[in-house]
């Protein structure tokens, strides 16, 4: 898959996963990588940026076995950003799909 496609949608995907539940970095990376092929280190710079932008926050969770884990949790600002990105994505993909469908049917656009 085109690297630029992945970069453009990765923030929306991560915010959506965090909306579903708090998660630690490796867990997020595995979840994303199960659907979108990404390099393992791709996600961590994005998580740092989301935190700096106030879209998520972190907390440490102690575990009975193994080291503590840093979990990411969506903030109210993160929820708003996710909604905005989701709306942008839907509008964008609708227009791209319309062009692709037009090509497949040989139709022409009125716009």
N, C-alpha and C. Protein backbone atom coordinates (compact mmCIF):
# COMPACT_ATOMS: atom_id res chain seq x y z
N UNK A 1 0.85 -1.18 0.00
CA UNK A 1 0.00 0.00 0.00
C UNK A 1 0.89 1.24 0.00
N UNK A 2 0.45 2.24 -0.67
CA UNK A 2 1.17 3.50 -0.78
C UNK A 2 1.44 4.10 0.60
N UNK A 3 2.69 4.48 0.85
CA UNK A 3 3.09 5.04 2.13
C UNK A 3 2.33 6.32 2.46
N UNK A 4 2.07 7.14 1.49
CA UNK A 4 1.35 8.39 1.73
C UNK A 4 -0.09 8.14 2.15
N UNK A 5 -0.71 7.10 1.59
CA UNK A 5 -2.07 6.73 2.01
C UNK A 5 -2.06 6.39 3.51
N UNK A 6 -1.08 5.58 3.91
CA UNK A 6 -0.99 5.14 5.29
C UNK A 6 -0.77 6.31 6.23
N UNK A 7 0.17 7.20 5.88
CA UNK A 7 0.46 8.35 6.73
C UNK A 7 -0.78 9.22 6.92
N UNK A 8 -1.54 9.38 5.86
CA UNK A 8 -2.71 10.24 5.91
C UNK A 8 -3.83 9.71 6.79
N UNK A 9 -3.91 8.42 6.96
CA UNK A 9 -5.03 7.83 7.70
C UNK A 9 -4.63 7.30 9.08
N UNK A 10 -3.34 7.23 9.35
CA UNK A 10 -2.87 6.62 10.59
C UNK A 10 -3.38 7.34 11.85
N UNK A 11 -3.40 8.65 11.83
CA UNK A 11 -3.90 9.39 12.99
C UNK A 11 -5.36 9.04 13.28
N UNK A 12 -6.18 9.00 12.25
CA UNK A 12 -7.58 8.64 12.42
C UNK A 12 -7.72 7.22 12.97
N UNK A 13 -6.94 6.30 12.46
CA UNK A 13 -7.00 4.91 12.92
C UNK A 13 -6.62 4.81 14.39
N UNK A 14 -5.54 5.46 14.79
CA UNK A 14 -5.09 5.39 16.19
C UNK A 14 -6.11 6.05 17.10
N UNK A 15 -6.63 7.20 16.72
CA UNK A 15 -7.64 7.87 17.55
C UNK A 15 -8.89 6.99 17.69
N UNK A 16 -9.25 6.30 16.63
CA UNK A 16 -10.41 5.41 16.67
C UNK A 16 -10.17 4.23 17.60
N UNK A 17 -8.99 3.65 17.54
CA UNK A 17 -8.67 2.55 18.44
C UNK A 17 -8.68 3.01 19.90
N UNK A 18 -8.16 4.20 20.15
CA UNK A 18 -8.15 4.73 21.51
C UNK A 18 -9.55 5.12 21.99
N UNK A 19 -10.43 5.43 21.07
CA UNK A 19 -11.81 5.71 21.46
C UNK A 19 -12.46 4.44 21.99
N UNK A 20 -12.11 3.32 21.39
CA UNK A 20 -12.68 2.03 21.80
C UNK A 20 -12.19 1.61 23.19
N UNK A 21 -10.88 1.81 23.43
CA UNK A 21 -10.33 1.46 24.74
C UNK A 21 -8.91 2.01 24.88
N UNK A 22 -8.50 2.26 26.12
CA UNK A 22 -7.13 2.66 26.40
C UNK A 22 -6.21 1.52 25.95
N UNK A 23 -5.01 1.88 25.50
CA UNK A 23 -4.09 0.85 25.02
C UNK A 23 -2.65 1.29 25.21
N UNK A 24 -1.76 0.34 25.30
CA UNK A 24 -0.34 0.66 25.36
C UNK A 24 0.23 0.61 23.95
N UNK A 25 1.41 1.20 23.77
CA UNK A 25 1.97 1.38 22.44
C UNK A 25 2.09 0.13 21.60
N UNK A 26 2.66 -0.92 22.18
CA UNK A 26 2.84 -2.15 21.41
C UNK A 26 1.50 -2.75 21.01
N UNK A 27 0.53 -2.67 21.90
CA UNK A 27 -0.82 -3.18 21.61
C UNK A 27 -1.42 -2.43 20.42
N UNK A 28 -1.26 -1.11 20.42
CA UNK A 28 -1.75 -0.29 19.30
C UNK A 28 -1.04 -0.66 18.01
N UNK A 29 0.28 -0.81 18.10
CA UNK A 29 1.07 -1.15 16.91
C UNK A 29 0.62 -2.48 16.32
N UNK A 30 0.38 -3.48 17.18
CA UNK A 30 -0.09 -4.78 16.70
C UNK A 30 -1.46 -4.67 16.04
N UNK A 31 -2.34 -3.91 16.66
CA UNK A 31 -3.71 -3.75 16.15
C UNK A 31 -3.68 -3.08 14.77
N UNK A 32 -2.90 -2.01 14.66
CA UNK A 32 -2.80 -1.31 13.37
C UNK A 32 -2.16 -2.21 12.33
N UNK A 33 -1.06 -2.87 12.71
CA UNK A 33 -0.31 -3.72 11.77
C UNK A 33 -1.13 -4.91 11.30
N UNK A 34 -2.16 -5.30 12.04
CA UNK A 34 -2.99 -6.42 11.61
C UNK A 34 -3.86 -6.04 10.40
N UNK A 35 -4.04 -4.74 10.18
CA UNK A 35 -4.85 -4.28 9.05
C UNK A 35 -4.06 -3.47 8.03
N UNK A 36 -3.07 -2.73 8.52
CA UNK A 36 -2.28 -1.85 7.66
C UNK A 36 -0.81 -2.17 7.90
N UNK A 37 -0.09 -2.52 6.85
CA UNK A 37 1.32 -2.86 7.02
C UNK A 37 2.11 -1.59 7.35
N UNK A 38 2.66 -1.54 8.57
CA UNK A 38 3.48 -0.41 9.00
C UNK A 38 4.74 -0.93 9.65
N UNK A 39 5.78 -0.11 9.62
CA UNK A 39 7.00 -0.44 10.34
C UNK A 39 6.72 -0.28 11.83
N UNK A 40 7.36 -1.11 12.65
CA UNK A 40 7.09 -1.12 14.08
C UNK A 40 7.30 0.25 14.73
N UNK A 41 8.32 0.99 14.30
CA UNK A 41 8.62 2.27 14.92
C UNK A 41 7.79 3.44 14.41
N UNK A 42 6.90 3.20 13.47
CA UNK A 42 6.10 4.26 12.87
C UNK A 42 5.13 4.89 13.86
N UNK A 43 4.59 4.10 14.73
CA UNK A 43 3.52 4.54 15.60
C UNK A 43 3.97 5.44 16.74
N UNK A 44 5.15 5.19 17.30
CA UNK A 44 5.58 5.91 18.49
C UNK A 44 5.75 7.42 18.28
N UNK A 45 6.33 7.86 17.17
CA UNK A 45 6.37 9.32 16.94
C UNK A 45 4.96 9.94 16.86
N UNK A 46 4.02 9.20 16.26
CA UNK A 46 2.64 9.69 16.19
C UNK A 46 2.03 9.79 17.59
N UNK A 47 2.26 8.78 18.42
CA UNK A 47 1.73 8.81 19.79
C UNK A 47 2.30 9.99 20.58
N UNK A 48 3.59 10.26 20.40
CA UNK A 48 4.20 11.43 21.07
C UNK A 48 3.53 12.72 20.60
N UNK A 49 3.31 12.82 19.29
CA UNK A 49 2.67 14.02 18.74
C UNK A 49 1.24 14.18 19.27
N UNK A 50 0.49 13.08 19.31
CA UNK A 50 -0.89 13.14 19.82
C UNK A 50 -0.90 13.62 21.27
N UNK A 51 0.06 13.15 22.04
CA UNK A 51 0.15 13.57 23.44
C UNK A 51 0.51 15.05 23.55
N UNK A 52 1.51 15.47 22.78
CA UNK A 52 1.92 16.88 22.80
C UNK A 52 0.79 17.81 22.35
N UNK A 53 -0.02 17.34 21.43
CA UNK A 53 -1.14 18.13 20.92
C UNK A 53 -2.36 18.08 21.84
N UNK A 54 -2.26 17.31 22.93
CA UNK A 54 -3.36 17.22 23.88
C UNK A 54 -4.51 16.33 23.43
N UNK A 55 -4.26 15.48 22.44
CA UNK A 55 -5.31 14.61 21.92
C UNK A 55 -5.40 13.29 22.69
N UNK A 56 -4.32 12.97 23.40
CA UNK A 56 -4.35 11.81 24.28
C UNK A 56 -3.47 12.10 25.48
N UNK A 57 -3.65 11.31 26.51
CA UNK A 57 -2.82 11.43 27.70
C UNK A 57 -2.33 10.04 28.05
N UNK A 58 -1.33 9.96 28.92
CA UNK A 58 -0.78 8.67 29.29
C UNK A 58 -0.89 8.45 30.79
N UNK A 59 -0.88 7.19 31.14
CA UNK A 59 -0.78 6.80 32.55
C UNK A 59 -0.05 5.47 32.60
N UNK A 60 0.56 5.21 33.75
CA UNK A 60 1.32 3.97 33.94
C UNK A 60 0.45 2.97 34.69
N UNK A 61 0.44 1.75 34.21
CA UNK A 61 -0.30 0.68 34.86
C UNK A 61 0.68 -0.39 35.31
N UNK A 62 0.68 -0.64 36.61
CA UNK A 62 1.53 -1.69 37.17
C UNK A 62 0.94 -3.05 36.80
N UNK A 63 1.82 -4.02 36.65
CA UNK A 63 1.38 -5.38 36.33
C UNK A 63 1.99 -6.35 37.32
N UNK A 64 1.32 -7.45 37.56
CA UNK A 64 1.85 -8.44 38.50
C UNK A 64 3.08 -9.14 37.90
N UNK A 65 3.11 -9.29 36.60
CA UNK A 65 4.26 -9.90 35.92
C UNK A 65 4.77 -8.94 34.86
N UNK A 66 6.05 -8.68 34.87
CA UNK A 66 6.64 -7.80 33.87
C UNK A 66 6.64 -6.35 34.31
N UNK A 67 7.26 -5.54 33.48
CA UNK A 67 7.38 -4.12 33.83
C UNK A 67 6.04 -3.39 33.68
N UNK A 68 5.92 -2.22 34.30
CA UNK A 68 4.69 -1.42 34.13
C UNK A 68 4.54 -1.00 32.66
N UNK A 69 3.33 -0.74 32.26
CA UNK A 69 3.07 -0.32 30.88
C UNK A 69 2.51 1.10 30.87
N UNK A 70 2.92 1.82 29.82
CA UNK A 70 2.37 3.17 29.62
C UNK A 70 1.16 3.06 28.69
N UNK A 71 0.01 3.43 29.21
CA UNK A 71 -1.23 3.38 28.44
C UNK A 71 -1.56 4.76 27.90
N UNK A 72 -2.21 4.77 26.75
CA UNK A 72 -2.69 6.00 26.11
C UNK A 72 -4.20 6.04 26.22
N UNK A 73 -4.71 7.22 26.55
CA UNK A 73 -6.16 7.42 26.70
C UNK A 73 -6.53 8.67 25.92
N UNK A 74 -7.63 8.60 25.21
CA UNK A 74 -8.13 9.72 24.42
C UNK A 74 -8.66 10.82 25.33
N UNK A 75 -8.37 12.08 25.00
CA UNK A 75 -8.92 13.22 25.73
C UNK A 75 -10.18 13.71 25.00
N UNK A 76 -10.87 14.67 25.59
CA UNK A 76 -12.02 15.27 24.91
C UNK A 76 -11.60 15.92 23.60
N UNK A 77 -10.43 16.55 23.60
CA UNK A 77 -9.91 17.15 22.36
C UNK A 77 -9.62 16.07 21.32
N UNK A 78 -9.14 14.93 21.77
CA UNK A 78 -8.88 13.81 20.88
C UNK A 78 -10.16 13.28 20.25
N UNK A 79 -11.23 13.23 21.06
CA UNK A 79 -12.53 12.81 20.52
C UNK A 79 -13.02 13.77 19.45
N UNK A 80 -12.85 15.06 19.69
CA UNK A 80 -13.27 16.07 18.70
C UNK A 80 -12.45 15.95 17.42
N UNK A 81 -11.13 15.78 17.58
CA UNK A 81 -10.25 15.65 16.42
C UNK A 81 -10.61 14.40 15.62
N UNK A 82 -10.87 13.30 16.33
CA UNK A 82 -11.25 12.06 15.66
C UNK A 82 -12.52 12.25 14.84
N UNK A 83 -13.51 12.91 15.42
CA UNK A 83 -14.77 13.14 14.71
C UNK A 83 -14.54 13.98 13.45
N UNK A 84 -13.72 15.03 13.59
CA UNK A 84 -13.43 15.89 12.44
C UNK A 84 -12.70 15.10 11.34
N UNK A 85 -11.70 14.31 11.74
CA UNK A 85 -10.97 13.50 10.76
C UNK A 85 -11.87 12.47 10.10
N UNK A 86 -12.76 11.89 10.89
CA UNK A 86 -13.69 10.89 10.35
C UNK A 86 -14.59 11.52 9.28
N UNK A 87 -15.10 12.71 9.57
CA UNK A 87 -15.95 13.40 8.60
C UNK A 87 -15.17 13.76 7.35
N UNK A 88 -13.93 14.24 7.53
CA UNK A 88 -13.07 14.56 6.38
C UNK A 88 -12.80 13.31 5.55
N UNK A 89 -12.48 12.21 6.23
CA UNK A 89 -12.18 10.96 5.54
C UNK A 89 -13.38 10.48 4.73
N UNK A 90 -14.55 10.52 5.33
CA UNK A 90 -15.76 10.05 4.63
C UNK A 90 -16.03 10.89 3.39
N UNK A 91 -15.91 12.22 3.52
CA UNK A 91 -16.15 13.10 2.37
C UNK A 91 -15.09 12.85 1.29
N UNK A 92 -13.83 12.78 1.70
CA UNK A 92 -12.74 12.56 0.77
C UNK A 92 -12.91 11.23 0.03
N UNK A 93 -13.13 10.14 0.79
CA UNK A 93 -13.24 8.83 0.16
C UNK A 93 -14.48 8.75 -0.73
N UNK A 94 -15.54 9.46 -0.36
CA UNK A 94 -16.75 9.49 -1.20
C UNK A 94 -16.42 10.08 -2.57
N UNK A 95 -15.67 11.18 -2.57
CA UNK A 95 -15.33 11.82 -3.84
C UNK A 95 -14.36 10.97 -4.67
N UNK A 96 -13.38 10.37 -3.98
CA UNK A 96 -12.45 9.50 -4.71
C UNK A 96 -13.19 8.31 -5.29
N UNK A 97 -14.06 7.69 -4.48
CA UNK A 97 -14.83 6.54 -4.97
C UNK A 97 -15.74 6.92 -6.13
N UNK A 98 -16.29 8.12 -6.10
CA UNK A 98 -17.14 8.57 -7.20
C UNK A 98 -16.34 8.64 -8.50
N UNK A 99 -15.12 9.13 -8.40
CA UNK A 99 -14.26 9.21 -9.58
C UNK A 99 -13.90 7.81 -10.06
N UNK A 100 -13.55 6.93 -9.12
CA UNK A 100 -13.20 5.57 -9.50
C UNK A 100 -14.38 4.83 -10.10
N UNK A 101 -15.56 5.02 -9.53
CA UNK A 101 -16.77 4.38 -10.06
C UNK A 101 -17.11 4.92 -11.44
N UNK A 102 -16.90 6.21 -11.62
CA UNK A 102 -17.15 6.85 -12.91
C UNK A 102 -16.24 6.24 -13.97
N UNK A 103 -14.99 6.02 -13.61
CA UNK A 103 -14.04 5.41 -14.53
C UNK A 103 -14.48 3.99 -14.88
N UNK A 104 -14.95 3.24 -13.88
CA UNK A 104 -15.34 1.86 -14.10
C UNK A 104 -16.55 1.74 -15.02
N UNK A 105 -17.47 2.71 -14.93
CA UNK A 105 -18.68 2.65 -15.74
C UNK A 105 -18.56 3.44 -17.04
N UNK A 106 -17.45 4.17 -17.17
CA UNK A 106 -17.26 4.96 -18.38
C UNK A 106 -18.08 6.22 -18.39
N UNK A 107 -18.69 6.57 -17.26
CA UNK A 107 -19.51 7.78 -17.17
C UNK A 107 -18.68 9.03 -17.07
N UNK A 108 -19.36 10.15 -17.21
CA UNK A 108 -18.70 11.46 -17.08
C UNK A 108 -19.37 12.23 -15.99
N UNK A 109 -18.58 13.03 -15.33
CA UNK A 109 -19.10 13.84 -14.22
C UNK A 109 -19.78 15.09 -14.74
N UNK A 110 -20.81 15.53 -14.02
CA UNK A 110 -21.49 16.79 -14.36
C UNK A 110 -20.77 17.98 -13.76
N UNK A 111 -19.86 17.74 -12.82
CA UNK A 111 -19.18 18.84 -12.12
C UNK A 111 -18.04 19.38 -12.91
